């Protein structure tokens, strides 16, 4: 699964993806950018 990294300004594969649930009940995936280590986040697709 890919997410947009704002630091690299490119789509990257999510490193160590984790399923999370937002306050409004929607699902999301969060993890890290394999290139720079910044936290990346993708709503839905879970």
Protein backbone atom coordinates (compact mmCIF):
# COMPACT_ATOMS: atom_id res chain seq x y z
CA UNK A 1 0.00 0.00 0.00
CA UNK A 2 1.26 3.47 -0.86
CA UNK A 3 0.80 6.83 0.83
CA UNK A 4 2.01 10.33 -0.03
CA UNK A 5 5.08 11.49 1.91
CA UNK A 6 5.01 15.27 2.35
CA UNK A 7 8.74 15.44 3.11
CA UNK A 8 9.83 13.46 0.02
CA UNK A 9 6.95 14.89 -2.05
CA UNK A 10 6.29 11.51 -3.62
CA UNK A 11 4.20 8.37 -3.12
CA UNK A 12 6.03 5.76 -1.08
CA UNK A 13 5.30 2.23 0.10
CA UNK A 14 4.18 2.30 3.76
CA UNK A 15 6.77 0.79 6.12
CA UNK A 16 5.30 -1.10 9.13
CA UNK A 17 1.63 -0.36 8.28
CA UNK A 18 -0.87 -0.36 11.15
CA UNK A 19 -4.67 -0.24 10.95
CA UNK A 20 -6.18 2.57 13.02
CA UNK A 21 -9.73 3.85 13.50
CA UNK A 22 -10.41 7.57 13.43
CA UNK A 23 -12.72 9.37 15.88
CA UNK A 24 -15.51 9.40 13.31
CA UNK A 25 -15.26 5.62 12.83
CA UNK A 26 -13.47 5.56 9.47
CA UNK A 27 -10.55 3.20 9.02
CA UNK A 28 -7.06 4.39 8.12
CA UNK A 29 -3.52 3.07 7.74
CA UNK A 30 -0.47 4.71 9.22
CA UNK A 31 3.20 3.86 9.10
CA UNK A 32 6.52 5.33 8.10
CA UNK A 33 8.26 6.42 4.92
CA UNK A 34 11.04 3.94 4.08
CA UNK A 35 13.14 6.74 2.53
CA UNK A 36 13.14 9.47 5.21
CA UNK A 37 11.33 7.94 8.21
CA UNK A 38 8.53 10.53 8.31
CA UNK A 39 5.12 9.31 9.48
CA UNK A 40 2.72 8.73 6.56
CA UNK A 41 -1.04 8.30 6.79
CA UNK A 42 -3.72 7.04 4.43
CA UNK A 43 -7.45 7.31 5.12
CA UNK A 44 -9.61 4.41 3.94
CA UNK A 45 -8.14 1.51 1.98
CA UNK A 46 -7.98 -0.79 4.92
